Amino acid sequence: MSVSNEHPPARPPKGRNDLHRLFEKITEQVGQVIFGKEEQVQLSLCCLFAQGHLLIEDIPGIGKTTLAKVLAETLGLDFRRVQCTSDMLPGDILGVSVFEQKTGRFIFHPGPIFTQVLLSDEINRTTPKTQSALLEAMEEGQVTIEGKTRPLPAPFFVIATLNPLEQVGTFSLPESQLDRFLFRIRLGYPDRASELRLLRAGGSRKKRETIRPLLSPEKVIQCQQLVAKVHLSDPLIEYIQNILDHSRTAPDFHTGLSPRAGLSLARASQAWAFIKGRDYCLPEDVQKLLPFIASHRLHRVDSQAEMNSDELMALLLTVPVPT
């Protein structure tokens, strides 16, 4: 159904093949711990290189936390974890100022948000007030505490895990917070072969000891900069715009996709092409990523329930593909 867009370059720029092989090596190393989830690992990389944030929704025990930690270790990034609870306060994430008698001054003690990869584990087990503490950080790369703006380390990548809402003790995330996440993905149960491999290995703890950094913070930032240079043709930009228009006018959706969602789709398509070793985007890139960008932003008009990937693709692929 998909066809390539206008005149891609005859060959990739110098070094792109080496980068592609490196990304394959990253996926392979993470796959030594997270069995059978190659696509989810690549989507996580795509989200980071697109300078977005990742929401992973699934039941406990699937490997969400392990994926976040192993990914950070493989990329050579600092990692902090916040286990969200119902009694957590914003200061537990952002940090607080404490008065020290020796100096007679308030000294700021930074919270776990001052890291490069922040895992907000079970984010919907904490209250909306604490959830909102992440908003400015995710959007601006900085936080304002006690009237002072403090920059966050670069790169800054939030991975939040989300338990299904039917579980006891969860708070639904408001739309404004959901919109801050570039992707929402699910890991799902492993396939039979992968789970047998996990059971025979007795878990992934020993495998994690073999993980070594394959990138560095500077290299990650460089990749993010290169993503912005991936060619996105005018017909493909119009294709994205037509998808946005369709989501706003079709009777199936309660509300359409926002301009921010359109920018996210464009940037993510560039990042997906980048990790696949191309310096130009194809319609297939847009179609591949659309469900992960739209599923938490679009709701059925009748019940306001979220739409699954198959429903999204069936509706939005009615939009003509550029030739």
C-alpha atoms as a PDB file:
ATOM      1  CA  MET A   1       0.000   0.000   0.000  1.00  0.00           C
ATOM      2  CA  SER A   2       2.885   2.340   0.750  1.00  0.00           C
ATOM      3  CA  VAL A   3       5.229   3.732  -1.838  1.00  0.00           C
ATOM      4  CA  SER A   4       8.377   5.767  -1.497  1.00  0.00           C
ATOM      5  CA  ASN A   5       8.295   9.534  -1.790  1.00  0.00           C
ATOM      6  CA  GLU A   6      10.293  11.849  -3.988  1.00  0.00           C
ATOM      7  CA  HIS A   7      13.817  11.044  -5.200  1.00  0.00           C
ATOM      8  CA  PRO A   8      15.759   9.743  -2.194  1.00  0.00           C
ATOM      9  CA  PRO A   9      19.510  10.307  -2.249  1.00  0.00           C
ATOM     10  CA  ALA A  10      21.542   7.824  -4.274  1.00  0.00           C
ATOM     11  CA  ARG A  11      23.559   6.800  -1.235  1.00  0.00           C
ATOM     12  CA  PRO A  12      23.618   7.597   2.481  1.00  0.00           C
ATOM     13  CA  PRO A  13      26.096  10.119   3.854  1.00  0.00           C
ATOM     14  CA  LYS A  14      29.409   8.908   5.196  1.00  0.00           C
ATOM     15  CA  GLY A  15      29.095   7.128   8.499  1.00  0.00           C
ATOM     16  CA  ARG A  16      25.361   6.353   8.300  1.00  0.00           C
ATOM     17  CA  ASN A  17      25.919   2.653   7.656  1.00  0.00           C
ATOM     18  CA  ASP A  18      28.202   2.539  10.687  1.00  0.00           C
ATOM     19  CA  LEU A  19      25.468   4.183  12.774  1.00  0.00           C
ATOM     20  CA  HIS A  20      22.899   1.700  11.542  1.00  0.00           C
ATOM     21  CA  ARG A  21      25.143  -1.194  12.546  1.00  0.00           C
ATOM     22  CA  LEU A  22      25.652   0.435  15.938  1.00  0.00           C
ATOM     23  CA  PHE A  23      21.888   0.701  16.490  1.00  0.00           C
ATOM     24  CA  GLU A  24      21.543  -2.964  15.561  1.00  0.00           C
ATOM     25  CA  LYS A  25      24.246  -3.770  18.114  1.00  0.00           C
ATOM     26  CA  ILE A  26      22.397  -1.727  20.758  1.00  0.00           C
ATOM     27  CA  THR A  27      19.175  -3.600  20.001  1.00  0.00           C
ATOM     28  CA  GLU A  28      21.030  -6.915  20.171  1.00  0.00           C
ATOM     29  CA  GLN A  29      22.651  -6.110  23.531  1.00  0.00           C
ATOM     30  CA  VAL A  30      19.374  -4.995  25.132  1.00  0.00           C
ATOM     31  CA  GLY A  31      17.781  -8.103  23.623  1.00  0.00           C
ATOM     32  CA  GLN A  32      20.173 -10.247  25.664  1.00  0.00           C
ATOM     33  CA  VAL A  33      18.209  -9.124  28.725  1.00  0.00           C
ATOM     34  CA  ILE A  34      14.766  -8.305  27.292  1.00  0.00           C
ATOM     35  CA  PHE A  35      14.005 -11.366  25.209  1.00  0.00           C
ATOM     36  CA  GLY A  36      11.890 -11.156  22.071  1.00  0.00           C
ATOM     37  CA  LYS A  37      11.134  -7.411  22.205  1.00  0.00           C
ATOM     38  CA  GLU A  38      13.269  -6.041  19.380  1.00  0.00           C
ATOM     39  CA  GLU A  39      10.561  -3.722  18.075  1.00  0.00           C
ATOM     40  CA  GLN A  40       9.921  -2.181  21.503  1.00  0.00           C
ATOM     41  CA  VAL A  41      13.657  -1.570  21.959  1.00  0.00           C
ATOM     42  CA  GLN A  42      13.841   0.178  18.580  1.00  0.00           C
ATOM     43  CA  LEU A  43      10.768   2.254  19.395  1.00  0.00           C
ATOM     44  CA  SER A  44      12.410   3.316  22.653  1.00  0.00           C
ATOM     45  CA  LEU A  45      15.551   4.393  20.773  1.00  0.00           C
ATOM     46  CA  CYS A  46      13.410   6.227  18.225  1.00  0.00           C
ATOM     47  CA  CYS A  47      11.602   8.077  21.011  1.00  0.00           C
ATOM     48  CA  LEU A  48      14.873   9.166  22.639  1.00  0.00           C
ATOM     49  CA  PHE A  49      16.483  10.311  19.380  1.00  0.00           C
ATOM     50  CA  ALA A  50      13.309  12.263  18.532  1.00  0.00           C
ATOM     51  CA  GLN A  51      13.734  14.056  21.894  1.00  0.00           C
ATOM     52  CA  GLY A  52      10.437  12.711  23.144  1.00  0.00           C
ATOM     53  CA  HIS A  53       9.338  10.796  26.226  1.00  0.00           C
ATOM     54  CA  LEU A  54       8.053   7.245  26.483  1.00  0.00           C
ATOM     55  CA  LEU A  55       4.999   5.785  28.205  1.00  0.00           C
ATOM     56  CA  ILE A  56       4.940   2.018  28.689  1.00  0.00           C
ATOM     57  CA  GLU A  57       1.573   0.600  29.700  1.00  0.00           C
ATOM     58  CA  ASP A  58       1.268  -2.989  30.815  1.00  0.00           C
ATOM     59  CA  ILE A  59       0.669  -5.252  33.767  1.00  0.00           C
ATOM     60  CA  PRO A  60       3.366  -5.666  36.452  1.00  0.00           C
ATOM     61  CA  GLY A  61       6.124  -8.209  35.896  1.00  0.00           C
ATOM     62  CA  ILE A  62       6.417  -7.842  32.133  1.00  0.00           C
ATOM     63  CA  GLY A  63       9.882  -6.195  32.164  1.00  0.00           C
ATOM     64  CA  LYS A  64       9.088  -2.481  31.876  1.00  0.00           C
ATOM     65  CA  THR A  65      11.538  -1.418  34.590  1.00  0.00           C
ATOM     66  CA  THR A  66      14.274  -3.732  33.323  1.00  0.00           C
ATOM     67  CA  LEU A  67      13.948  -2.331  29.802  1.00  0.00           C
ATOM     68  CA  ALA A  68      14.401   1.242  31.059  1.00  0.00           C
ATOM     69  CA  LYS A  69      17.450   0.426  33.152  1.00  0.00           C
ATOM     70  CA  VAL A  70      19.210  -1.716  30.534  1.00  0.00           C
ATOM     71  CA  LEU A  71      18.553   0.880  27.839  1.00  0.00           C
ATOM     72  CA  ALA A  72      20.135   3.614  29.982  1.00  0.00           C
ATOM     73  CA  GLU A  73      23.154   1.423  30.741  1.00  0.00           C
ATOM     74  CA  THR A  74      23.621   0.542  27.073  1.00  0.00           C
ATOM     75  CA  LEU A  75      23.468   4.204  26.037  1.00  0.00           C
ATOM     76  CA  GLY A  76      25.879   5.297  28.763  1.00  0.00           C
ATOM     77  CA  LEU A  77      23.344   7.594  30.423  1.00  0.00           C
ATOM     78  CA  ASP A  78      22.792   8.375  34.095  1.00  0.00           C
ATOM     79  CA  PHE A  79      19.705   6.625  35.423  1.00  0.00           C
ATOM     80  CA  ARG A  80      17.381   7.302  38.345  1.00  0.00           C
ATOM     81  CA  ARG A  81      14.181   5.579  39.317  1.00  0.00           C
ATOM     82  CA  VAL A  82      11.161   6.982  41.131  1.00  0.00           C
ATOM     83  CA  GLN A  83       8.690   4.469  42.528  1.00  0.00           C
ATOM     84  CA  CYS A  84       5.418   6.377  42.512  1.00  0.00           C
ATOM     85  CA  THR A  85       3.059   6.001  45.460  1.00  0.00           C
ATOM     86  CA  SER A  86      -0.158   7.675  46.546  1.00  0.00           C
ATOM     87  CA  ASP A  87       1.577   9.698  49.282  1.00  0.00           C
ATOM     88  CA  MET A  88       4.385  11.044  47.069  1.00  0.00           C
ATOM     89  CA  LEU A  89       4.815  14.837  46.914  1.00  0.00           C
ATOM     90  CA  PRO A  90       6.197  16.955  44.038  1.00  0.00           C
ATOM     91  CA  GLY A  91       9.305  17.685  46.108  1.00  0.00           C
ATOM     92  CA  ASP A  92      10.092  13.988  46.180  1.00  0.00           C
ATOM     93  CA  ILE A  93      10.730  14.227  42.437  1.00  0.00           C
ATOM     94  CA  LEU A  94      11.961  17.790  41.959  1.00  0.00           C
ATOM     95  CA  GLY A  95      13.945  18.297  45.160  1.00  0.00           C
ATOM     96  CA  VAL A  96      13.657  20.599  48.168  1.00  0.00           C
ATOM     97  CA  SER A  97      15.585  23.338  49.946  1.00  0.00           C
ATOM     98  CA  VAL A  98      16.647  22.527  53.486  1.00  0.00           C
ATOM     99  CA  PHE A  99      17.794  25.094  56.061  1.00  0.00           C
ATOM    100  CA  GLU A 100      21.262  24.329  57.388  1.00  0.00           C
ATOM    101  CA  GLN A 101      22.085  25.831  60.735  1.00  0.00           C
ATOM    102  CA  LYS A 102      25.849  25.801  60.149  1.00  0.00           C
ATOM    103  CA  THR A 103      25.638  28.123  57.149  1.00  0.00           C
ATOM    104  CA  GLY A 104      22.403  29.884  58.041  1.00  0.00           C
ATOM    105  CA  ARG A 105      21.157  29.335  54.493  1.00  0.00           C
ATOM    106  CA  PHE A 106      18.711  27.184  52.599  1.00  0.00           C
ATOM    107  CA  ILE A 107      20.573  24.581  50.533  1.00  0.00           C
ATOM    108  CA  PHE A 108      18.834  23.002  47.569  1.00  0.00           C
ATOM    109  CA  HIS A 109      18.924  19.223  47.423  1.00  0.00           C
ATOM    110  CA  PRO A 110      18.107  18.116  43.880  1.00  0.00           C
ATOM    111  CA  GLY A 111      15.582  15.346  43.425  1.00  0.00           C
ATOM    112  CA  PRO A 112      15.853  12.310  41.164  1.00  0.00           C
ATOM    113  CA  ILE A 113      14.577  14.305  38.186  1.00  0.00           C
ATOM    114  CA  PHE A 114      18.089  15.706  37.785  1.00  0.00           C
ATOM    115  CA  THR A 115      19.304  12.804  35.691  1.00  0.00           C
ATOM    116  CA  GLN A 116      19.470  11.834  32.027  1.00  0.00           C
ATOM    117  CA  VAL A 117      17.050   8.908  32.085  1.00  0.00           C
ATOM    118  CA  LEU A 118      14.279   9.113  34.661  1.00  0.00           C
ATOM    119  CA  LEU A 119      12.088   6.084  35.199  1.00  0.00           C
ATOM    120  CA  SER A 120       8.786   7.132  36.729  1.00  0.00           C
ATOM    121  CA  ASP A 121       7.572   3.699  37.762  1.00  0.00           C
ATOM    122  CA  GLU A 122       3.803   3.210  38.012  1.00  0.00           C
ATOM    123  CA  ILE A 123       3.151   6.889  37.396  1.00  0.00           C
ATOM    124  CA  ASN A 124      -0.604   6.476  37.759  1.00  0.00           C
ATOM    125  CA  ARG A 125      -0.257   5.321  41.348  1.00  0.00           C
ATOM    126  CA  THR A 126       0.610   8.857  42.438  1.00  0.00           C
ATOM    127  CA  THR A 127      -1.741  11.821  42.663  1.00  0.00           C
ATOM    128  CA  PRO A 128      -2.423  14.262  39.795  1.00  0.00           C
ATOM    129  CA  LYS A 129      -0.575  17.002  41.706  1.00  0.00           C
ATOM    130  CA  THR A 130       2.626  14.983  41.719  1.00  0.00           C
ATOM    131  CA  GLN A 131       2.088  13.794  38.143  1.00  0.00           C
ATOM    132  CA  SER A 132       1.919  17.434  37.022  1.00  0.00           C
ATOM    133  CA  ALA A 133       5.344  18.105  38.550  1.00  0.00           C
ATOM    134  CA  LEU A 134       6.810  16.357  35.519  1.00  0.00           C
ATOM    135  CA  LEU A 135       5.071  18.573  32.944  1.00  0.00           C
ATOM    136  CA  GLU A 136       7.490  21.486  32.748  1.00  0.00           C
ATOM    137  CA  ALA A 137      10.474  19.155  32.901  1.00  0.00           C
ATOM    138  CA  MET A 138       9.234  17.026  30.012  1.00  0.00           C
ATOM    139  CA  GLU A 139       8.333  19.991  27.837  1.00  0.00           C
ATOM    140  CA  GLU A 140      11.083  22.484  28.623  1.00  0.00           C
ATOM    141  CA  GLY A 141      14.006  20.449  29.924  1.00  0.00           C
ATOM    142  CA  GLN A 142      14.000  22.526  33.078  1.00  0.00           C
ATOM    143  CA  VAL A 143      12.128  22.869  36.355  1.00  0.00           C
ATOM    144  CA  THR A 144      11.128  25.897  38.390  1.00  0.00           C
ATOM    145  CA  ILE A 145      11.523  25.349  42.117  1.00  0.00           C
ATOM    146  CA  GLU A 146      10.884  28.070  44.673  1.00  0.00           C
ATOM    147  CA  GLY A 147      10.910  30.697  41.948  1.00  0.00           C
ATOM    148  CA  LYS A 148      14.244  29.630  40.457  1.00  0.00           C
ATOM    149  CA  THR A 149      14.592  27.897  37.090  1.00  0.00           C
ATOM    150  CA  ARG A 150      17.021  25.014  37.085  1.00  0.00           C
ATOM    151  CA  PRO A 151      18.127  23.292  33.842  1.00  0.00           C
ATOM    152  CA  LEU A 152      18.078  19.514  33.640  1.00  0.00           C
ATOM    153  CA  PRO A 153      20.932  17.389  32.294  1.00  0.00           C
ATOM    154  CA  ALA A 154      21.083  16.690  28.571  1.00  0.00           C
ATOM    155  CA  PRO A 155      19.880  14.470  27.123  1.00  0.00           C
ATOM    156  CA  PHE A 156      16.771  14.198  29.301  1.00  0.00           C
ATOM    157  CA  PHE A 157      14.500  11.229  28.724  1.00  0.00           C
ATOM    158  CA  VAL A 158      11.486  10.268  30.834  1.00  0.00           C
ATOM    159  CA  ILE A 159      10.264   6.686  30.707  1.00  0.00           C
ATOM    160  CA  ALA A 160       7.019   6.301  32.641  1.00  0.00           C
ATOM    161  CA  THR A 161       5.348   2.982  33.304  1.00  0.00           C
ATOM    162  CA  LEU A 162       1.592   2.817  33.576  1.00  0.00           C
ATOM    163  CA  ASN A 163      -0.574   0.141  35.108  1.00  0.00           C
ATOM    164  CA  PRO A 164      -3.941  -0.593  33.479  1.00  0.00           C
ATOM    165  CA  LEU A 165      -6.629   1.644  34.993  1.00  0.00           C
ATOM    166  CA  GLU A 166      -8.724  -1.312  36.108  1.00  0.00           C
ATOM    167  CA  GLN A 167      -6.064  -2.128  38.714  1.00  0.00           C
ATOM    168  CA  VAL A 168      -6.700  -0.962  42.266  1.00  0.00           C
ATOM    169  CA  GLY A 169      -5.064   2.275  43.405  1.00  0.00           C
ATOM    170  CA  THR A 170      -4.539   4.016  40.077  1.00  0.00           C
ATOM    171  CA  PHE A 171      -5.216   7.605  39.005  1.00  0.00           C
ATOM    172  CA  SER A 172      -5.899   8.345  35.351  1.00  0.00           C
ATOM    173  CA  LEU A 173      -3.418  10.689  33.670  1.00  0.00           C
ATOM    174  CA  PRO A 174      -4.997  13.909  32.355  1.00  0.00           C
ATOM    175  CA  GLU A 175      -4.882  14.524  28.612  1.00  0.00           C
ATOM    176  CA  SER A 176      -2.368  17.352  29.068  1.00  0.00           C
ATOM    177  CA  GLN A 177       0.043  14.898  30.685  1.00  0.00           C
ATOM    178  CA  LEU A 178      -0.547  12.122  28.179  1.00  0.00           C
ATOM    179  CA  ASP A 179       0.161  14.568  25.358  1.00  0.00           C
ATOM    180  CA  ARG A 180       3.688  15.094  26.730  1.00  0.00           C
ATOM    181  CA  PHE A 181       4.573  11.522  25.851  1.00  0.00           C
ATOM    182  CA  LEU A 182       5.701  11.009  22.280  1.00  0.00           C
ATOM    183  CA  PHE A 183       4.949   7.264  22.265  1.00  0.00           C
ATOM    184  CA  ARG A 184       2.836   4.899  24.255  1.00  0.00           C
ATOM    185  CA  ILE A 185       3.853   1.279  23.806  1.00  0.00           C
ATOM    186  CA  ARG A 186       3.067  -2.072  25.368  1.00  0.00           C
ATOM    187  CA  LEU A 187       5.518  -4.901  25.948  1.00  0.00           C
ATOM    188  CA  GLY A 188       3.015  -7.723  26.221  1.00  0.00           C
ATOM    189  CA  TYR A 189       3.745 -11.274  27.255  1.00  0.00           C
ATOM    190  CA  PRO A 190       6.876 -12.782  25.702  1.00  0.00           C
ATOM    191  CA  ASP A 191       6.431 -15.373  22.982  1.00  0.00           C
ATOM    192  CA  ARG A 192       6.839 -19.002  24.014  1.00  0.00           C
ATOM    193  CA  ALA A 193      10.439 -19.350  22.836  1.00  0.00           C
ATOM    194  CA  SER A 194      11.533 -16.156  24.599  1.00  0.00           C
ATOM    195  CA  GLU A 195       9.801 -17.084  27.845  1.00  0.00           C
ATOM    196  CA  LEU A 196      11.343 -20.557  27.811  1.00  0.00           C
ATOM    197  CA  ARG A 197      14.724 -18.907  27.329  1.00  0.00           C
ATOM    198  CA  LEU A 198      14.007 -16.616  30.290  1.00  0.00           C
ATOM    199  CA  LEU A 199      12.915 -19.501  32.500  1.00  0.00           C
ATOM    200  CA  ARG A 200      15.978 -21.576  31.643  1.00  0.00           C
ATOM    201  CA  ALA A 201      18.259 -18.627  32.380  1.00  0.00           C
ATOM    202  CA  GLY A 202      16.592 -18.129  35.771  1.00  0.00           C
ATOM    203  CA  GLY A 203      15.887 -14.456  35.020  1.00  0.00           C
ATOM    204  CA  SER A 204      17.930 -11.649  33.525  1.00  0.00           C
ATOM    205  CA  ARG A 205      20.045 -10.555  36.501  1.00  0.00           C
ATOM    206  CA  LYS A 206      23.239 -12.327  35.350  1.00  0.00           C
ATOM    207  CA  LYS A 207      22.801 -11.083  31.786  1.00  0.00           C
ATOM    208  CA  ARG A 208      22.602  -7.502  33.026  1.00  0.00           C
ATOM    209  CA  GLU A 209      26.099  -7.821  34.463  1.00  0.00           C
ATOM    210  CA  THR A 210      27.444  -8.118  30.899  1.00  0.00           C
ATOM    211  CA  ILE A 211      25.875  -4.860  29.689  1.00  0.00           C
ATOM    212  CA  ARG A 212      28.410  -2.224  28.648  1.00  0.00           C
ATOM    213  CA  PRO A 213      27.904   1.311  27.299  1.00  0.00           C
ATOM    214  CA  LEU A 214      27.820   1.507  23.502  1.00  0.00           C
ATOM    215  CA  LEU A 215      27.086   5.246  23.364  1.00  0.00           C
ATOM    216  CA  SER A 216      27.674   8.285  25.570  1.00  0.00           C
ATOM    217  CA  PRO A 217      25.623  11.376  26.437  1.00  0.00           C
ATOM    218  CA  GLU A 218      27.541  13.359  23.822  1.00  0.00           C
ATOM    219  CA  LYS A 219      26.876  10.726  21.145  1.00  0.00           C
ATOM    220  CA  VAL A 220      23.177  10.602  22.020  1.00  0.00           C
ATOM    221  CA  ILE A 221      22.924  14.384  21.648  1.00  0.00           C
ATOM    222  CA  GLN A 222      24.757  14.127  18.336  1.00  0.00           C
ATOM    223  CA  CYS A 223      22.226  11.535  17.146  1.00  0.00           C
ATOM    224  CA  GLN A 224      19.369  13.834  18.160  1.00  0.00           C
ATOM    225  CA  GLN A 225      20.921  16.610  16.111  1.00  0.00           C
ATOM    226  CA  LEU A 226      21.355  14.325  13.091  1.00  0.00           C
ATOM    227  CA  VAL A 227      17.700  13.275  13.275  1.00  0.00           C
ATOM    228  CA  ALA A 228      16.655  16.874  12.631  1.00  0.00           C
ATOM    229  CA  LYS A 229      18.574  16.752   9.330  1.00  0.00           C
ATOM    230  CA  VAL A 230      16.714  13.702   7.984  1.00  0.00           C
ATOM    231  CA  HIS A 231      14.828  14.779   4.850  1.00  0.00           C
ATOM    232  CA  LEU A 232      11.059  15.093   5.198  1.00  0.00           C
ATOM    233  CA  SER A 233       9.622  15.881   1.753  1.00  0.00           C
ATOM    234  CA  ASP A 234       6.762  18.305   1.122  1.00  0.00           C
ATOM    235  CA  PRO A 235       4.411  15.500  -0.059  1.00  0.00           C
ATOM    236  CA  LEU A 236       5.114  13.638   3.173  1.00  0.00           C
ATOM    237  CA  ILE A 237       4.475  16.749   5.255  1.00  0.00           C
ATOM    238  CA  GLU A 238       1.151  17.159   3.448  1.00  0.00           C
ATOM    239  CA  TYR A 239       0.419  13.485   4.139  1.00  0.00           C
ATOM    240  CA  ILE A 240       0.882  14.120   7.869  1.00  0.00           C
ATOM    241  CA  GLN A 241      -1.345  17.189   7.612  1.00  0.00           C
ATOM    242  CA  ASN A 242      -4.034  15.146   5.839  1.00  0.00           C
ATOM    243  CA  ILE A 243      -3.915  12.597   8.661  1.00  0.00           C
ATOM    244  CA  LEU A 244      -4.424  15.398  11.183  1.00  0.00           C
ATOM    245  CA  ASP A 245      -7.327  16.790   9.167  1.00  0.00           C
ATOM    246  CA  HIS A 246      -8.931  13.371   8.865  1.00  0.00           C
ATOM    247  CA  SER A 247      -8.719  12.789  12.626  1.00  0.00           C
ATOM    248  CA  ARG A 248     -10.502  16.114  13.191  1.00  0.00           C
ATOM    249  CA  THR A 249     -13.306  15.616  10.695  1.00  0.00           C
ATOM    250  CA  ALA A 250     -14.005  11.857  10.848  1.00  0.00           C
ATOM    251  CA  PRO A 251     -17.076  11.011  12.955  1.00  0.00           C
ATOM    252  CA  ASP A 252     -15.224   8.225  14.776  1.00  0.00           C
ATOM    253  CA  PHE A 253     -13.086  10.428  17.024  1.00  0.00           C
ATOM    254  CA  HIS A 254     -14.115  12.493  20.036  1.00  0.00           C
ATOM    255  CA  THR A 255     -11.388  15.060  19.354  1.00  0.00           C
ATOM    256  CA  GLY A 256      -8.764  15.173  16.622  1.00  0.00           C
ATOM    257  CA  LEU A 257      -4.999  15.143  16.790  1.00  0.00           C
ATOM    258  CA  SER A 258      -3.390  18.389  17.907  1.00  0.00           C
ATOM    259  CA  PRO A 259      -0.644  20.312  16.074  1.00  0.00           C
ATOM    260  CA  ARG A 260       1.760  18.981  18.717  1.00  0.00           C
ATOM    261  CA  ALA A 261       0.804  15.433  17.710  1.00  0.00           C
ATOM    262  CA  GLY A 262       1.552  16.324  14.087  1.00  0.00           C
ATOM    263  CA  LEU A 263       4.972  17.684  15.003  1.00  0.00           C
ATOM    264  CA  SER A 264       5.590  14.552  17.052  1.00  0.00           C
ATOM    265  CA  LEU A 265       4.673  12.325  14.115  1.00  0.00           C
ATOM    266  CA  ALA A 266       7.012  14.224  11.797  1.00  0.00           C
ATOM    267  CA  ARG A 267       9.934  14.187  14.247  1.00  0.00           C
ATOM    268  CA  ALA A 268       9.437  10.527  15.123  1.00  0.00           C
ATOM    269  CA  SER A 269       9.334   9.578  11.435  1.00  0.00           C
ATOM    270  CA  GLN A 270      12.702  11.273  10.975  1.00  0.00           C
ATOM    271  CA  ALA A 271      14.100   9.366  13.965  1.00  0.00           C
ATOM    272  CA  TRP A 272      12.752   6.027  12.694  1.00  0.00           C
ATOM    273  CA  ALA A 273      14.329   6.598   9.277  1.00  0.00           C
ATOM    274  CA  PHE A 274      17.573   7.541  11.039  1.00  0.00           C
ATOM    275  CA  ILE A 275      17.862   4.331  13.060  1.00  0.00           C
ATOM    276  CA  LYS A 276      17.005   2.365   9.915  1.00  0.00           C
ATOM    277  CA  GLY A 277      20.040   3.876   8.184  1.00  0.00           C
ATOM    278  CA  ARG A 278      18.286   6.370   5.907  1.00  0.00           C
ATOM    279  CA  ASP A 279      18.549  10.155   5.664  1.00  0.00           C
ATOM    280  CA  TYR A 280      15.074  10.495   4.137  1.00  0.00           C
ATOM    281  CA  CYS A 281      11.595   9.541   5.329  1.00  0.00           C
ATOM    282  CA  LEU A 282       9.087   7.264   3.644  1.00  0.00           C
ATOM    283  CA  PRO A 283       5.306   6.983   4.079  1.00  0.00           C
ATOM    284  CA  GLU A 284       5.981   3.641   5.748  1.00  0.00           C
ATOM    285  CA  ASP A 285       7.749   5.470   8.571  1.00  0.00           C
ATOM    286  CA  VAL A 286       4.676   7.592   9.250  1.00  0.00           C
ATOM    287  CA  GLN A 287       2.355   4.589   9.089  1.00  0.00           C
ATOM    288  CA  LYS A 288       4.585   2.508  11.356  1.00  0.00           C
ATOM    289  CA  LEU A 289       4.651   5.086  14.131  1.00  0.00           C
ATOM    290  CA  LEU A 290       1.148   6.494  13.898  1.00  0.00           C
ATOM    291  CA  PRO A 291      -0.494   3.986  16.310  1.00  0.00           C
ATOM    292  CA  PHE A 292       2.102   4.634  19.025  1.00  0.00           C
ATOM    293  CA  ILE A 293       1.580   8.401  18.729  1.00  0.00           C
ATOM    294  CA  ALA A 294      -2.200   8.482  18.294  1.00  0.00           C
ATOM    295  CA  SER A 295      -3.469   5.699  20.563  1.00  0.00           C
ATOM    296  CA  HIS A 296      -3.273   7.797  23.752  1.00  0.00           C
ATOM    297  CA  ARG A 297      -4.500  10.957  22.021  1.00  0.00           C
ATOM    298  CA  LEU A 298      -7.590   9.732  20.162  1.00  0.00           C
ATOM    299  CA  HIS A 299     -10.798   8.423  21.737  1.00  0.00           C
ATOM    300  CA  ARG A 300     -13.966   6.915  20.320  1.00  0.00           C
ATOM    301  CA  VAL A 301     -16.767   9.423  19.983  1.00  0.00           C
ATOM    302  CA  ASP A 302     -19.360   7.051  21.452  1.00  0.00           C
ATOM    303  CA  SER A 303     -17.610   5.880  24.634  1.00  0.00           C
ATOM    304  CA  GLN A 304     -14.459   8.054  24.743  1.00  0.00           C
ATOM    305  CA  ALA A 305     -12.508   4.796  25.058  1.00  0.00           C
ATOM    306  CA  GLU A 306      -9.051   4.698  23.527  1.00  0.00           C
ATOM    307  CA  MET A 307      -8.717   3.164  20.082  1.00  0.00           C
ATOM    308  CA  ASN A 308      -6.486   0.191  19.461  1.00  0.00           C
ATOM    309  CA  SER A 309      -3.832   0.003  16.753  1.00  0.00           C
ATOM    310  CA  ASP A 310      -5.945  -1.934  14.269  1.00  0.00           C
ATOM    311  CA  GLU A 311      -8.823   0.532  14.535  1.00  0.00           C
ATOM    312  CA  LEU A 312      -6.476   3.482  14.080  1.00  0.00           C
ATOM    313  CA  MET A 313      -4.812   2.025  11.019  1.00  0.00           C
ATOM    314  CA  ALA A 314      -8.123   1.015   9.438  1.00  0.00           C
ATOM    315  CA  LEU A 315      -9.427   4.551   9.767  1.00  0.00           C
ATOM    316  CA  LEU A 316      -6.365   6.652   9.124  1.00  0.00           C
ATOM    317  CA  LEU A 317      -5.015   4.615   6.229  1.00  0.00           C
ATOM    318  CA  THR A 318      -8.015   5.828   4.274  1.00  0.00           C
ATOM    319  CA  VAL A 319      -5.924   8.976   3.842  1.00  0.00           C
ATOM    320  CA  PRO A 320      -4.298   8.834   0.368  1.00  0.00           C
ATOM    321  CA  VAL A 321      -0.600   7.953   0.422  1.00  0.00           C
ATOM    322  CA  PRO A 322       1.707  10.296  -1.522  1.00  0.00           C
ATOM    323  CA  THR A 323       3.163   8.881  -4.711  1.00  0.00           C
END
